[in-house]
Amino acid sequence: MPKELKERKMQHMREIGLLVTDLIPDIEHIYELNKTREVLPSVEVYIQGL
């Protein structure tokens, strides 16, 4: 990721009071959904709806 973009994202997060740790549950959830798609391709249609 370009340094300028990273700095802009961090500045925006500070402005709205969001911490990186606030994103961890969302990142974990996305990871789990992607792993489920790999193991059970038949549920991909339902995951896309989320």
PDB file of N, CA and C in Angstrom:
ATOM      1  N   MET A   1       0.851  -1.167   0.000  1.00  0.00           N
ATOM      2  CA  MET A   1       0.000   0.000   0.000  1.00  0.00           C
ATOM      3  C   MET A   1       0.905   1.242   0.000  1.00  0.00           C
ATOM      4  N   PRO A   2       0.613   2.190  -0.874  1.00  0.00           N
ATOM      5  CA  PRO A   2       1.425   3.405  -0.905  1.00  0.00           C
ATOM      6  C   PRO A   2       1.381   4.147   0.436  1.00  0.00           C
ATOM      7  N   LYS A   3       2.504   4.725   0.794  1.00  0.00           N
ATOM      8  CA  LYS A   3       2.623   5.410   2.084  1.00  0.00           C
ATOM      9  C   LYS A   3       1.585   6.520   2.228  1.00  0.00           C
ATOM     10  N   GLU A   4       1.356   7.276   1.157  1.00  0.00           N
ATOM     11  CA  GLU A   4       0.397   8.379   1.206  1.00  0.00           C
ATOM     12  C   GLU A   4      -1.015   7.873   1.510  1.00  0.00           C
ATOM     13  N   LEU A   5      -1.405   6.790   0.877  1.00  0.00           N
ATOM     14  CA  LEU A   5      -2.726   6.221   1.110  1.00  0.00           C
ATOM     15  C   LEU A   5      -2.848   5.733   2.548  1.00  0.00           C
ATOM     16  N   LYS A   6      -1.812   5.073   3.030  1.00  0.00           N
ATOM     17  CA  LYS A   6      -1.823   4.574   4.403  1.00  0.00           C
ATOM     18  C   LYS A   6      -1.972   5.731   5.394  1.00  0.00           C
ATOM     19  N   GLU A   7      -1.254   6.816   5.157  1.00  0.00           N
ATOM     20  CA  GLU A   7      -1.344   7.978   6.041  1.00  0.00           C
ATOM     21  C   GLU A   7      -2.739   8.597   6.008  1.00  0.00           C
ATOM     22  N   ARG A   8      -3.339   8.680   4.823  1.00  0.00           N
ATOM     23  CA  ARG A   8      -4.696   9.235   4.710  1.00  0.00           C
ATOM     24  C   ARG A   8      -5.704   8.364   5.448  1.00  0.00           C
ATOM     25  N   LYS A   9      -5.554   7.058   5.323  1.00  0.00           N
ATOM     26  CA  LYS A   9      -6.473   6.149   6.024  1.00  0.00           C
ATOM     27  C   LYS A   9      -6.341   6.304   7.531  1.00  0.00           C
ATOM     28  N   MET A  10      -5.097   6.379   8.011  1.00  0.00           N
ATOM     29  CA  MET A  10      -4.876   6.519   9.456  1.00  0.00           C
ATOM     30  C   MET A  10      -5.424   7.857   9.953  1.00  0.00           C
ATOM     31  N   GLN A  11      -5.250   8.930   9.167  1.00  0.00           N
ATOM     32  CA  GLN A  11      -5.769  10.245   9.541  1.00  0.00           C
ATOM     33  C   GLN A  11      -7.291  10.196   9.632  1.00  0.00           C
ATOM     34  N   HIS A  12      -7.921   9.572   8.675  1.00  0.00           N
ATOM     35  CA  HIS A  12      -9.382   9.455   8.678  1.00  0.00           C
ATOM     36  C   HIS A  12      -9.850   8.660   9.899  1.00  0.00           C
ATOM     37  N   MET A  13      -9.158   7.588  10.213  1.00  0.00           N
ATOM     38  CA  MET A  13      -9.530   6.781  11.378  1.00  0.00           C
ATOM     39  C   MET A  13      -9.407   7.611  12.660  1.00  0.00           C
ATOM     40  N   ARG A  14      -8.366   8.417  12.775  1.00  0.00           N
ATOM     41  CA  ARG A  14      -8.201   9.277  13.954  1.00  0.00           C
ATOM     42  C   ARG A  14      -9.332  10.302  14.037  1.00  0.00           C
ATOM     43  N   GLU A  15      -9.715  10.860  12.898  1.00  0.00           N
ATOM     44  CA  GLU A  15     -10.773  11.870  12.870  1.00  0.00           C
ATOM     45  C   GLU A  15     -12.108  11.321  13.351  1.00  0.00           C
ATOM     46  N   ILE A  16     -12.400  10.091  13.017  1.00  0.00           N
ATOM     47  CA  ILE A  16     -13.685   9.519  13.420  1.00  0.00           C
ATOM     48  C   ILE A  16     -13.593   8.734  14.732  1.00  0.00           C
ATOM     49  N   GLY A  17     -12.393   8.682  15.310  1.00  0.00           N
ATOM     50  CA  GLY A  17     -12.217   8.026  16.602  1.00  0.00           C
ATOM     51  C   GLY A  17     -12.155   6.516  16.519  1.00  0.00           C
ATOM     52  N   LEU A  18     -11.764   5.987  15.393  1.00  0.00           N
ATOM     53  CA  LEU A  18     -11.686   4.545  15.194  1.00  0.00           C
ATOM     54  C   LEU A  18     -10.263   4.070  15.412  1.00  0.00           C
ATOM     55  N   LEU A  19     -10.112   2.999  16.151  1.00  0.00           N
ATOM     56  CA  LEU A  19      -8.802   2.410  16.395  1.00  0.00           C
ATOM     57  C   LEU A  19      -8.636   1.166  15.525  1.00  0.00           C
ATOM     58  N   VAL A  20      -7.404   0.829  15.237  1.00  0.00           N
ATOM     59  CA  VAL A  20      -7.137  -0.377  14.452  1.00  0.00           C
ATOM     60  C   VAL A  20      -7.738  -1.593  15.148  1.00  0.00           C
ATOM     61  N   THR A  21      -7.676  -1.608  16.465  1.00  0.00           N
ATOM     62  CA  THR A  21      -8.226  -2.750  17.207  1.00  0.00           C
ATOM     63  C   THR A  21      -9.736  -2.878  17.024  1.00  0.00           C
ATOM     64  N   ASP A  22     -10.400  -1.793  16.652  1.00  0.00           N
ATOM     65  CA  ASP A  22     -11.845  -1.860  16.386  1.00  0.00           C
ATOM     66  C   ASP A  22     -12.138  -2.669  15.130  1.00  0.00           C
ATOM     67  N   LEU A  23     -11.154  -2.780  14.244  1.00  0.00           N
ATOM     68  CA  LEU A  23     -11.350  -3.477  12.974  1.00  0.00           C
ATOM     69  C   LEU A  23     -11.071  -4.975  13.066  1.00  0.00           C
ATOM     70  N   ILE A  24     -10.401  -5.407  14.118  1.00  0.00           N
ATOM     71  CA  ILE A  24      -9.984  -6.806  14.227  1.00  0.00           C
ATOM     72  C   ILE A  24     -11.164  -7.781  14.143  1.00  0.00           C
ATOM     73  N   PRO A  25     -12.262  -7.559  14.858  1.00  0.00           N
ATOM     74  CA  PRO A  25     -13.388  -8.501  14.714  1.00  0.00           C
ATOM     75  C   PRO A  25     -13.908  -8.605  13.280  1.00  0.00           C
ATOM     76  N   ASP A  26     -13.947  -7.480  12.577  1.00  0.00           N
ATOM     77  CA  ASP A  26     -14.404  -7.504  11.180  1.00  0.00           C
ATOM     78  C   ASP A  26     -13.427  -8.278  10.297  1.00  0.00           C
ATOM     79  N   ILE A  27     -12.135  -8.068  10.519  1.00  0.00           N
ATOM     80  CA  ILE A  27     -11.118  -8.781   9.748  1.00  0.00           C
ATOM     81  C   ILE A  27     -11.219 -10.283  10.003  1.00  0.00           C
ATOM     82  N   GLU A  28     -11.408 -10.666  11.258  1.00  0.00           N
ATOM     83  CA  GLU A  28     -11.552 -12.086  11.579  1.00  0.00           C
ATOM     84  C   GLU A  28     -12.778 -12.678  10.909  1.00  0.00           C
ATOM     85  N   HIS A  29     -13.864 -11.941  10.910  1.00  0.00           N
ATOM     86  CA  HIS A  29     -15.106 -12.420  10.298  1.00  0.00           C
ATOM     87  C   HIS A  29     -14.924 -12.616   8.790  1.00  0.00           C
ATOM     88  N   ILE A  30     -14.304 -11.666   8.134  1.00  0.00           N
ATOM     89  CA  ILE A  30     -14.052 -11.783   6.696  1.00  0.00           C
ATOM     90  C   ILE A  30     -13.157 -12.979   6.401  1.00  0.00           C
ATOM     91  N   TYR A  31     -12.136 -13.173   7.225  1.00  0.00           N
ATOM     92  CA  TYR A  31     -11.231 -14.310   7.046  1.00  0.00           C
ATOM     93  C   TYR A  31     -12.010 -15.627   7.163  1.00  0.00           C
ATOM     94  N   GLU A  32     -12.854 -15.735   8.185  1.00  0.00           N
ATOM     95  CA  GLU A  32     -13.637 -16.955   8.382  1.00  0.00           C
ATOM     96  C   GLU A  32     -14.578 -17.204   7.210  1.00  0.00           C
ATOM     97  N   LEU A  33     -15.207 -16.156   6.709  1.00  0.00           N
ATOM     98  CA  LEU A  33     -16.102 -16.320   5.558  1.00  0.00           C
ATOM     99  C   LEU A  33     -15.341 -16.798   4.330  1.00  0.00           C
ATOM    100  N   ASN A  34     -14.168 -16.237   4.096  1.00  0.00           N
ATOM    101  CA  ASN A  34     -13.377 -16.665   2.944  1.00  0.00           C
ATOM    102  C   ASN A  34     -12.906 -18.102   3.085  1.00  0.00           C
ATOM    103  N   LYS A  35     -12.541 -18.513   4.289  1.00  0.00           N
ATOM    104  CA  LYS A  35     -12.143 -19.910   4.511  1.00  0.00           C
ATOM    105  C   LYS A  35     -13.324 -20.842   4.281  1.00  0.00           C
ATOM    106  N   THR A  36     -14.508 -20.436   4.713  1.00  0.00           N
ATOM    107  CA  THR A  36     -15.706 -21.246   4.506  1.00  0.00           C
ATOM    108  C   THR A  36     -15.984 -21.408   3.020  1.00  0.00           C
ATOM    109  N   ARG A  37     -15.791 -20.340   2.257  1.00  0.00           N
ATOM    110  CA  ARG A  37     -15.994 -20.408   0.808  1.00  0.00           C
ATOM    111  C   ARG A  37     -15.048 -21.414   0.168  1.00  0.00           C
ATOM    112  N   GLU A  38     -13.832 -21.506   0.676  1.00  0.00           N
ATOM    113  CA  GLU A  38     -12.866 -22.459   0.127  1.00  0.00           C
ATOM    114  C   GLU A  38     -13.269 -23.892   0.447  1.00  0.00           C
ATOM    115  N   VAL A  39     -13.712 -24.123   1.668  1.00  0.00           N
ATOM    116  CA  VAL A  39     -14.034 -25.480   2.108  1.00  0.00           C
ATOM    117  C   VAL A  39     -15.394 -25.932   1.577  1.00  0.00           C
ATOM    118  N   LEU A  40     -16.348 -25.014   1.560  1.00  0.00           N
ATOM    119  CA  LEU A  40     -17.711 -25.339   1.128  1.00  0.00           C
ATOM    120  C   LEU A  40     -18.157 -24.386   0.014  1.00  0.00           C
ATOM    121  N   PRO A  41     -17.711 -24.629  -1.200  1.00  0.00           N
ATOM    122  CA  PRO A  41     -18.066 -23.714  -2.296  1.00  0.00           C
ATOM    123  C   PRO A  41     -19.578 -23.568  -2.496  1.00  0.00           C
ATOM    124  N   SER A  42     -20.334 -24.536  -2.058  1.00  0.00           N
ATOM    125  CA  SER A  42     -21.783 -24.486  -2.252  1.00  0.00           C
ATOM    126  C   SER A  42     -22.446 -23.375  -1.430  1.00  0.00           C
ATOM    127  N   VAL A  43     -21.792 -22.873  -0.383  1.00  0.00           N
ATOM    128  CA  VAL A  43     -22.379 -21.808   0.435  1.00  0.00           C
ATOM    129  C   VAL A  43     -21.979 -20.416  -0.036  1.00  0.00           C
ATOM    130  N   GLU A  44     -21.192 -20.353  -1.114  1.00  0.00           N
ATOM    131  CA  GLU A  44     -20.724 -19.052  -1.589  1.00  0.00           C
ATOM    132  C   GLU A  44     -21.868 -18.105  -1.913  1.00  0.00           C
ATOM    133  N   VAL A  45     -22.948 -18.626  -2.468  1.00  0.00           N
ATOM    134  CA  VAL A  45     -24.101 -17.787  -2.811  1.00  0.00           C
ATOM    135  C   VAL A  45     -24.638 -17.103  -1.560  1.00  0.00           C
ATOM    136  N   TYR A  46     -24.690 -17.811  -0.454  1.00  0.00           N
ATOM    137  CA  TYR A  46     -25.206 -17.245   0.785  1.00  0.00           C
ATOM    138  C   TYR A  46     -24.216 -16.234   1.378  1.00  0.00           C
ATOM    139  N   ILE A  47     -22.940 -16.520   1.268  1.00  0.00           N
ATOM    140  CA  ILE A  47     -21.912 -15.621   1.790  1.00  0.00           C
ATOM    141  C   ILE A  47     -21.914 -14.319   1.008  1.00  0.00           C
ATOM    142  N   GLN A  48     -22.082 -14.385  -0.297  1.00  0.00           N
ATOM    143  CA  GLN A  48     -22.118 -13.172  -1.108  1.00  0.00           C
ATOM    144  C   GLN A  48     -23.275 -12.270  -0.687  1.00  0.00           C
ATOM    145  N   GLY A  49     -24.333 -12.862  -0.189  1.00  0.00           N
ATOM    146  CA  GLY A  49     -25.493 -12.081   0.260  1.00  0.00           C
ATOM    147  C   GLY A  49     -25.234 -11.314   1.548  1.00  0.00           C
ATOM    148  N   LEU A  50     -24.168 -11.679   2.249  1.00  0.00           N
ATOM    149  CA  LEU A  50     -23.858 -10.986   3.484  1.00  0.00           C
ATOM    150  C   LEU A  50     -23.171  -9.701   3.166  1.00  0.00           C
TER     151      LEU A  50
END
